[in-house]
Amino acid sequence: MAITRDDMISILAEADPVGLVAGGAPRNEYEQEADAILALRGIPTLTEITGVFAVSFSEPGACSRETARWIVEEMGRRSGR
């Protein structure tokens, strides 16, 4: 799945799984998570994406499966898949 880092950061800012952007954080607040997701091999699974956020925020439910599903779908749309 070919997607740029900037696109991934934008997707995560739009999804805003932890509510940081809604709380006033800059749109690039999820850079670390974007890098972690882009480092995954192949098409990321929902479990992998929720796991990235669980580790980053030390909270198992930081990113819901529904939000992770939207992220994967949006990655596909933006990569032209």
PDB file of N, CA and C in Angstrom:
ATOM      1  N   MET A   1       0.854  -1.167   0.000  1.00  0.00           N
ATOM      2  CA  MET A   1       0.000   0.000   0.000  1.00  0.00           C
ATOM      3  C   MET A   1       0.900   1.230   0.000  1.00  0.00           C
ATOM      4  N   ALA A   2       0.879   1.978  -1.078  1.00  0.00           N
ATOM      5  CA  ALA A   2       1.730   3.160  -1.186  1.00  0.00           C
ATOM      6  C   ALA A   2       0.962   4.384  -0.692  1.00  0.00           C
ATOM      7  N   ILE A   3       1.379   4.893   0.433  1.00  0.00           N
ATOM      8  CA  ILE A   3       0.771   6.096   0.992  1.00  0.00           C
ATOM      9  C   ILE A   3       1.895   6.923   1.606  1.00  0.00           C
ATOM     10  N   THR A   4       1.827   8.217   1.438  1.00  0.00           N
ATOM     11  CA  THR A   4       2.893   9.067   1.959  1.00  0.00           C
ATOM     12  C   THR A   4       2.741   9.270   3.465  1.00  0.00           C
ATOM     13  N   ARG A   5       3.828   9.670   4.063  1.00  0.00           N
ATOM     14  CA  ARG A   5       3.816   9.966   5.504  1.00  0.00           C
ATOM     15  C   ARG A   5       2.855  11.121   5.786  1.00  0.00           C
ATOM     16  N   ASP A   6       2.886  12.140   4.938  1.00  0.00           N
ATOM     17  CA  ASP A   6       1.986  13.281   5.127  1.00  0.00           C
ATOM     18  C   ASP A   6       0.520  12.849   5.040  1.00  0.00           C
ATOM     19  N   ASP A   7       0.209  11.966   4.084  1.00  0.00           N
ATOM     20  CA  ASP A   7      -1.163  11.454   3.978  1.00  0.00           C
ATOM     21  C   ASP A   7      -1.551  10.677   5.232  1.00  0.00           C
ATOM     22  N   MET A   8      -0.615   9.876   5.742  1.00  0.00           N
ATOM     23  CA  MET A   8      -0.913   9.082   6.934  1.00  0.00           C
ATOM     24  C   MET A   8      -1.164   9.990   8.126  1.00  0.00           C
ATOM     25  N   ILE A   9      -0.355  11.015   8.278  1.00  0.00           N
ATOM     26  CA  ILE A   9      -0.544  11.971   9.383  1.00  0.00           C
ATOM     27  C   ILE A   9      -1.896  12.661   9.242  1.00  0.00           C
ATOM     28  N   SER A  10      -2.254  13.025   8.017  1.00  0.00           N
ATOM     29  CA  SER A  10      -3.536  13.666   7.764  1.00  0.00           C
ATOM     30  C   SER A  10      -4.708  12.748   8.104  1.00  0.00           C
ATOM     31  N   ILE A  11      -4.596  11.488   7.717  1.00  0.00           N
ATOM     32  CA  ILE A  11      -5.651  10.504   8.028  1.00  0.00           C
ATOM     33  C   ILE A  11      -5.830  10.386   9.533  1.00  0.00           C
ATOM     34  N   LEU A  12      -4.724  10.279  10.250  1.00  0.00           N
ATOM     35  CA  LEU A  12      -4.814  10.133  11.708  1.00  0.00           C
ATOM     36  C   LEU A  12      -5.364  11.393  12.366  1.00  0.00           C
ATOM     37  N   ALA A  13      -5.022  12.560  11.815  1.00  0.00           N
ATOM     38  CA  ALA A  13      -5.563  13.809  12.359  1.00  0.00           C
ATOM     39  C   ALA A  13      -7.076  13.861  12.149  1.00  0.00           C
ATOM     40  N   GLU A  14      -7.533  13.401  10.988  1.00  0.00           N
ATOM     41  CA  GLU A  14      -8.966  13.371  10.705  1.00  0.00           C
ATOM     42  C   GLU A  14      -9.682  12.352  11.595  1.00  0.00           C
ATOM     43  N   ALA A  15      -9.066  11.203  11.761  1.00  0.00           N
ATOM     44  CA  ALA A  15      -9.663  10.162  12.616  1.00  0.00           C
ATOM     45  C   ALA A  15      -9.628  10.586  14.078  1.00  0.00           C
ATOM     46  N   ASP A  16      -8.547  11.225  14.466  1.00  0.00           N
ATOM     47  CA  ASP A  16      -8.340  11.748  15.823  1.00  0.00           C
ATOM     48  C   ASP A  16      -8.797  10.754  16.899  1.00  0.00           C
ATOM     49  N   PRO A  17      -8.216   9.541  16.894  1.00  0.00           N
ATOM     50  CA  PRO A  17      -8.686   8.474  17.780  1.00  0.00           C
ATOM     51  C   PRO A  17      -8.659   8.801  19.270  1.00  0.00           C
ATOM     52  N   VAL A  18      -7.758   9.662  19.682  1.00  0.00           N
ATOM     53  CA  VAL A  18      -7.625   9.960  21.107  1.00  0.00           C
ATOM     54  C   VAL A  18      -8.194  11.350  21.436  1.00  0.00           C
ATOM     55  N   GLY A  19      -8.621  12.079  20.421  1.00  0.00           N
ATOM     56  CA  GLY A  19      -9.219  13.385  20.640  1.00  0.00           C
ATOM     57  C   GLY A  19      -8.224  14.511  20.858  1.00  0.00           C
ATOM     58  N   LEU A  20      -6.970  14.293  20.453  1.00  0.00           N
ATOM     59  CA  LEU A  20      -5.937  15.309  20.675  1.00  0.00           C
ATOM     60  C   LEU A  20      -6.147  16.539  19.796  1.00  0.00           C
ATOM     61  N   VAL A  21      -6.466  16.308  18.520  1.00  0.00           N
ATOM     62  CA  VAL A  21      -6.667  17.418  17.588  1.00  0.00           C
ATOM     63  C   VAL A  21      -7.911  18.209  17.992  1.00  0.00           C
ATOM     64  N   ALA A  22      -8.956  17.503  18.361  1.00  0.00           N
ATOM     65  CA  ALA A  22     -10.184  18.169  18.822  1.00  0.00           C
ATOM     66  C   ALA A  22      -9.913  19.000  20.075  1.00  0.00           C
ATOM     67  N   GLY A  23      -8.928  18.574  20.860  1.00  0.00           N
ATOM     68  CA  GLY A  23      -8.569  19.289  22.084  1.00  0.00           C
ATOM     69  C   GLY A  23      -7.592  20.432  21.866  1.00  0.00           C
ATOM     70  N   GLY A  24      -7.245  20.705  20.600  1.00  0.00           N
ATOM     71  CA  GLY A  24      -6.375  21.830  20.296  1.00  0.00           C
ATOM     72  C   GLY A  24      -4.951  21.483  19.904  1.00  0.00           C
ATOM     73  N   ALA A  25      -4.606  20.199  19.881  1.00  0.00           N
ATOM     74  CA  ALA A  25      -3.249  19.799  19.488  1.00  0.00           C
ATOM     75  C   ALA A  25      -3.062  20.035  17.987  1.00  0.00           C
ATOM     76  N   PRO A  26      -1.816  20.232  17.554  1.00  0.00           N
ATOM     77  CA  PRO A  26      -1.568  20.420  16.116  1.00  0.00           C
ATOM     78  C   PRO A  26      -1.928  19.163  15.329  1.00  0.00           C
ATOM     79  N   ARG A  27      -2.229  19.349  14.044  1.00  0.00           N
ATOM     80  CA  ARG A  27      -2.653  18.226  13.201  1.00  0.00           C
ATOM     81  C   ARG A  27      -1.561  17.175  13.020  1.00  0.00           C
ATOM     82  N   ASN A  28      -0.319  17.511  13.322  1.00  0.00           N
ATOM     83  CA  ASN A  28       0.761  16.525  13.190  1.00  0.00           C
ATOM     84  C   ASN A  28       1.040  15.790  14.509  1.00  0.00           C
ATOM     85  N   GLU A  29       0.138  15.888  15.440  1.00  0.00           N
ATOM     86  CA  GLU A  29       0.311  15.280  16.761  1.00  0.00           C
ATOM     87  C   GLU A  29       0.500  13.759  16.689  1.00  0.00           C
ATOM     88  N   TYR A  30      -0.018  13.137  15.646  1.00  0.00           N
ATOM     89  CA  TYR A  30       0.050  11.677  15.519  1.00  0.00           C
ATOM     90  C   TYR A  30       1.208  11.214  14.628  1.00  0.00           C
ATOM     91  N   GLU A  31       2.271  12.005  14.512  1.00  0.00           N
ATOM     92  CA  GLU A  31       3.415  11.626  13.676  1.00  0.00           C
ATOM     93  C   GLU A  31       4.018  10.287  14.088  1.00  0.00           C
ATOM     94  N   GLN A  32       4.213  10.096  15.373  1.00  0.00           N
ATOM     95  CA  GLN A  32       4.826   8.848  15.864  1.00  0.00           C
ATOM     96  C   GLN A  32       3.970   7.643  15.479  1.00  0.00           C
ATOM     97  N   GLU A  33       2.664   7.762  15.640  1.00  0.00           N
ATOM     98  CA  GLU A  33       1.768   6.654  15.299  1.00  0.00           C
ATOM     99  C   GLU A  33       1.737   6.435  13.785  1.00  0.00           C
ATOM    100  N   ALA A  34       1.796   7.525  13.011  1.00  0.00           N
ATOM    101  CA  ALA A  34       1.840   7.402  11.550  1.00  0.00           C
ATOM    102  C   ALA A  34       3.077   6.607  11.128  1.00  0.00           C
ATOM    103  N   ASP A  35       4.222   6.944  11.719  1.00  0.00           N
ATOM    104  CA  ASP A  35       5.455   6.226  11.395  1.00  0.00           C
ATOM    105  C   ASP A  35       5.352   4.751  11.763  1.00  0.00           C
ATOM    106  N   ALA A  36       4.754   4.461  12.910  1.00  0.00           N
ATOM    107  CA  ALA A  36       4.604   3.068  13.346  1.00  0.00           C
ATOM    108  C   ALA A  36       3.688   2.290  12.400  1.00  0.00           C
ATOM    109  N   ILE A  37       2.622   2.910  11.962  1.00  0.00           N
ATOM    110  CA  ILE A  37       1.694   2.239  11.042  1.00  0.00           C
ATOM    111  C   ILE A  37       2.358   2.027   9.688  1.00  0.00           C
ATOM    112  N   LEU A  38       3.076   3.037   9.202  1.00  0.00           N
ATOM    113  CA  LEU A  38       3.760   2.902   7.911  1.00  0.00           C
ATOM    114  C   LEU A  38       4.868   1.853   7.956  1.00  0.00           C
ATOM    115  N   ALA A  39       5.406   1.566   9.134  1.00  0.00           N
ATOM    116  CA  ALA A  39       6.469   0.556   9.271  1.00  0.00           C
ATOM    117  C   ALA A  39       5.924  -0.868   9.232  1.00  0.00           C
ATOM    118  N   LEU A  40       4.606  -1.023   9.360  1.00  0.00           N
ATOM    119  CA  LEU A  40       4.000  -2.358   9.310  1.00  0.00           C
ATOM    120  C   LEU A  40       4.110  -2.913   7.895  1.00  0.00           C
ATOM    121  N   ARG A  41       4.179  -4.215   7.786  1.00  0.00           N
ATOM    122  CA  ARG A  41       4.282  -4.858   6.472  1.00  0.00           C
ATOM    123  C   ARG A  41       2.898  -5.122   5.902  1.00  0.00           C
ATOM    124  N   GLY A  42       2.750  -4.835   4.611  1.00  0.00           N
ATOM    125  CA  GLY A  42       1.487  -5.110   3.938  1.00  0.00           C
ATOM    126  C   GLY A  42       0.388  -4.174   4.409  1.00  0.00           C
ATOM    127  N   ILE A  43      -0.838  -4.610   4.204  1.00  0.00           N
ATOM    128  CA  ILE A  43      -1.988  -3.822   4.636  1.00  0.00           C
ATOM    129  C   ILE A  43      -2.183  -4.043   6.125  1.00  0.00           C
ATOM    130  N   PRO A  44      -2.154  -2.970   6.902  1.00  0.00           N
ATOM    131  CA  PRO A  44      -2.285  -3.119   8.358  1.00  0.00           C
ATOM    132  C   PRO A  44      -3.640  -3.715   8.744  1.00  0.00           C
ATOM    133  N   THR A  45      -3.615  -4.538   9.756  1.00  0.00           N
ATOM    134  CA  THR A  45      -4.858  -5.093  10.279  1.00  0.00           C
ATOM    135  C   THR A  45      -5.418  -4.147  11.336  1.00  0.00           C
ATOM    136  N   LEU A  46      -6.685  -4.330  11.653  1.00  0.00           N
ATOM    137  CA  LEU A  46      -7.304  -3.506  12.691  1.00  0.00           C
ATOM    138  C   LEU A  46      -6.581  -3.691  14.015  1.00  0.00           C
ATOM    139  N   THR A  47      -6.197  -4.918  14.308  1.00  0.00           N
ATOM    140  CA  THR A  47      -5.489  -5.211  15.555  1.00  0.00           C
ATOM    141  C   THR A  47      -4.147  -4.505  15.607  1.00  0.00           C
ATOM    142  N   GLU A  48      -3.440  -4.461  14.484  1.00  0.00           N
ATOM    143  CA  GLU A  48      -2.148  -3.765  14.462  1.00  0.00           C
ATOM    144  C   GLU A  48      -2.330  -2.267  14.719  1.00  0.00           C
ATOM    145  N   ILE A  49      -3.333  -1.675  14.100  1.00  0.00           N
ATOM    146  CA  ILE A  49      -3.562  -0.236  14.276  1.00  0.00           C
ATOM    147  C   ILE A  49      -4.001   0.072  15.708  1.00  0.00           C
ATOM    148  N   THR A  50      -4.942  -0.693  16.230  1.00  0.00           N
ATOM    149  CA  THR A  50      -5.358  -0.445  17.617  1.00  0.00           C
ATOM    150  C   THR A  50      -4.187  -0.680  18.559  1.00  0.00           C
ATOM    151  N   GLY A  51      -3.315  -1.623  18.222  1.00  0.00           N
ATOM    152  CA  GLY A  51      -2.138  -1.901  19.032  1.00  0.00           C
ATOM    153  C   GLY A  51      -1.153  -0.749  19.056  1.00  0.00           C
ATOM    154  N   VAL A  52      -0.967  -0.096  17.915  1.00  0.00           N
ATOM    155  CA  VAL A  52      -0.076   1.068  17.848  1.00  0.00           C
ATOM    156  C   VAL A  52      -0.541   2.128  18.845  1.00  0.00           C
ATOM    157  N   PHE A  53      -1.840   2.397  18.857  1.00  0.00           N
ATOM    158  CA  PHE A  53      -2.366   3.418  19.767  1.00  0.00           C
ATOM    159  C   PHE A  53      -2.354   2.950  21.221  1.00  0.00           C
ATOM    160  N   ALA A  54      -2.592   1.670  21.445  1.00  0.00           N
ATOM    161  CA  ALA A  54      -2.555   1.136  22.808  1.00  0.00           C
ATOM    162  C   ALA A  54      -1.169   1.301  23.409  1.00  0.00           C
ATOM    163  N   VAL A  55      -0.142   1.051  22.609  1.00  0.00           N
ATOM    164  CA  VAL A  55       1.232   1.188  23.080  1.00  0.00           C
ATOM    165  C   VAL A  55       1.582   2.662  23.270  1.00  0.00           C
ATOM    166  N   SER A  56       1.249   3.489  22.292  1.00  0.00           N
ATOM    167  CA  SER A  56       1.602   4.911  22.363  1.00  0.00           C
ATOM    168  C   SER A  56       0.963   5.632  23.543  1.00  0.00           C
ATOM    169  N   PHE A  57      -0.276   5.266  23.835  1.00  0.00           N
ATOM    170  CA  PHE A  57      -1.012   5.987  24.874  1.00  0.00           C
ATOM    171  C   PHE A  57      -1.217   5.168  26.146  1.00  0.00           C
ATOM    172  N   SER A  58      -0.591   3.992  26.205  1.00  0.00           N
ATOM    173  CA  SER A  58      -0.689   3.113  27.375  1.00  0.00           C
ATOM    174  C   SER A  58      -2.135   2.894  27.792  1.00  0.00           C
ATOM    175  N   GLU A  59      -2.986   2.739  26.787  1.00  0.00           N
ATOM    176  CA  GLU A  59      -4.409   2.536  27.031  1.00  0.00           C
ATOM    177  C   GLU A  59      -4.957   1.585  25.966  1.00  0.00           C
ATOM    178  N   PRO A  60      -5.370   0.383  26.356  1.00  0.00           N
ATOM    179  CA  PRO A  60      -5.819  -0.603  25.384  1.00  0.00           C
ATOM    180  C   PRO A  60      -6.930  -0.124  24.446  1.00  0.00           C
ATOM    181  N   GLY A  61      -7.826   0.715  24.893  1.00  0.00           N
ATOM    182  CA  GLY A  61      -8.936   1.161  24.052  1.00  0.00           C
ATOM    183  C   GLY A  61      -8.731   2.521  23.433  1.00  0.00           C
ATOM    184  N   ALA A  62      -7.485   2.961  23.317  1.00  0.00           N
ATOM    185  CA  ALA A  62      -7.221   4.312  22.812  1.00  0.00           C
ATOM    186  C   ALA A  62      -7.779   4.527  21.411  1.00  0.00           C
ATOM    187  N   CYS A  63      -7.766   3.503  20.584  1.00  0.00           N
ATOM    188  CA  CYS A  63      -8.312   3.584  19.232  1.00  0.00           C
ATOM    189  C   CYS A  63      -9.318   2.457  19.077  1.00  0.00           C
ATOM    190  N   SER A  64     -10.561   2.808  18.808  1.00  0.00           N
ATOM    191  CA  SER A  64     -11.595   1.777  18.654  1.00  0.00           C
ATOM    192  C   SER A  64     -11.400   1.017  17.341  1.00  0.00           C
ATOM    193  N   ARG A  65     -11.977  -0.164  17.264  1.00  0.00           N
ATOM    194  CA  ARG A  65     -11.904  -0.952  16.029  1.00  0.00           C
ATOM    195  C   ARG A  65     -12.597  -0.219  14.886  1.00  0.00           C
ATOM    196  N   GLU A  66     -13.674   0.506  15.188  1.00  0.00           N
ATOM    197  CA  GLU A  66     -14.384   1.251  14.148  1.00  0.00           C
ATOM    198  C   GLU A  66     -13.480   2.339  13.564  1.00  0.00           C
ATOM    199  N   THR A  67     -12.755   3.027  14.428  1.00  0.00           N
ATOM    200  CA  THR A  67     -11.833   4.057  13.963  1.00  0.00           C
ATOM    201  C   THR A  67     -10.694   3.430  13.180  1.00  0.00           C
ATOM    202  N   ALA A  68     -10.173   2.314  13.658  1.00  0.00           N
ATOM    203  CA  ALA A  68      -9.105   1.609  12.944  1.00  0.00           C
ATOM    204  C   ALA A  68      -9.592   1.167  11.569  1.00  0.00           C
ATOM    205  N   ARG A  69     -10.822   0.706  11.480  1.00  0.00           N
ATOM    206  CA  ARG A  69     -11.400   0.286  10.197  1.00  0.00           C
ATOM    207  C   ARG A  69     -11.449   1.482   9.237  1.00  0.00           C
ATOM    208  N   TRP A  70     -11.877   2.639   9.734  1.00  0.00           N
ATOM    209  CA  TRP A  70     -11.934   3.833   8.897  1.00  0.00           C
ATOM    210  C   TRP A  70     -10.529   4.213   8.417  1.00  0.00           C
ATOM    211  N   ILE A  71      -9.549   4.108   9.301  1.00  0.00           N
ATOM    212  CA  ILE A  71      -8.163   4.435   8.935  1.00  0.00           C
ATOM    213  C   ILE A  71      -7.687   3.542   7.798  1.00  0.00           C
ATOM    214  N   VAL A  72      -7.919   2.236   7.909  1.00  0.00           N
ATOM    215  CA  VAL A  72      -7.499   1.293   6.861  1.00  0.00           C
ATOM    216  C   VAL A  72      -8.216   1.601   5.544  1.00  0.00           C
ATOM    217  N   GLU A  73      -9.517   1.862   5.628  1.00  0.00           N
ATOM    218  CA  GLU A  73     -10.281   2.177   4.421  1.00  0.00           C
ATOM    219  C   GLU A  73      -9.783   3.468   3.776  1.00  0.00           C
ATOM    220  N   GLU A  74      -9.507   4.462   4.587  1.00  0.00           N
ATOM    221  CA  GLU A  74      -9.015   5.742   4.068  1.00  0.00           C
ATOM    222  C   GLU A  74      -7.625   5.594   3.462  1.00  0.00           C
ATOM    223  N   MET A  75      -6.794   4.750   4.067  1.00  0.00           N
ATOM    224  CA  MET A  75      -5.477   4.475   3.493  1.00  0.00           C
ATOM    225  C   MET A  75      -5.645   3.899   2.095  1.00  0.00           C
ATOM    226  N   GLY A  76      -6.585   2.983   1.939  1.00  0.00           N
ATOM    227  CA  GLY A  76      -6.844   2.387   0.630  1.00  0.00           C
ATOM    228  C   GLY A  76      -7.324   3.409  -0.381  1.00  0.00           C
ATOM    229  N   ARG A  77      -8.244   4.267   0.040  1.00  0.00           N
ATOM    230  CA  ARG A  77      -8.749   5.302  -0.867  1.00  0.00           C
ATOM    231  C   ARG A  77      -7.637   6.248  -1.311  1.00  0.00           C
ATOM    232  N   ARG A  78      -6.826   6.679  -0.401  1.00  0.00           N
ATOM    233  CA  ARG A  78      -5.790   7.660  -0.737  1.00  0.00           C
ATOM    234  C   ARG A  78      -4.611   7.062  -1.483  1.00  0.00           C
ATOM    235  N   SER A  79      -4.450   5.766  -1.402  1.00  0.00           N
ATOM    236  CA  SER A  79      -3.359   5.129  -2.130  1.00  0.00           C
ATOM    237  C   SER A  79      -3.813   4.695  -3.521  1.00  0.00           C
ATOM    238  N   GLY A  80      -5.088   4.913  -3.812  1.00  0.00           N
ATOM    239  CA  GLY A  80      -5.610   4.554  -5.126  1.00  0.00           C
ATOM    240  C   GLY A  80      -5.930   3.085  -5.295  1.00  0.00           C
ATOM    241  N   ARG A  81      -6.025   2.388  -4.172  1.00  0.00           N
ATOM    242  CA  ARG A  81      -6.322   0.961  -4.184  1.00  0.00           C
ATOM    243  C   ARG A  81      -7.784   0.729  -4.413  1.00  0.00           C
TER     244      ARG A  81
END
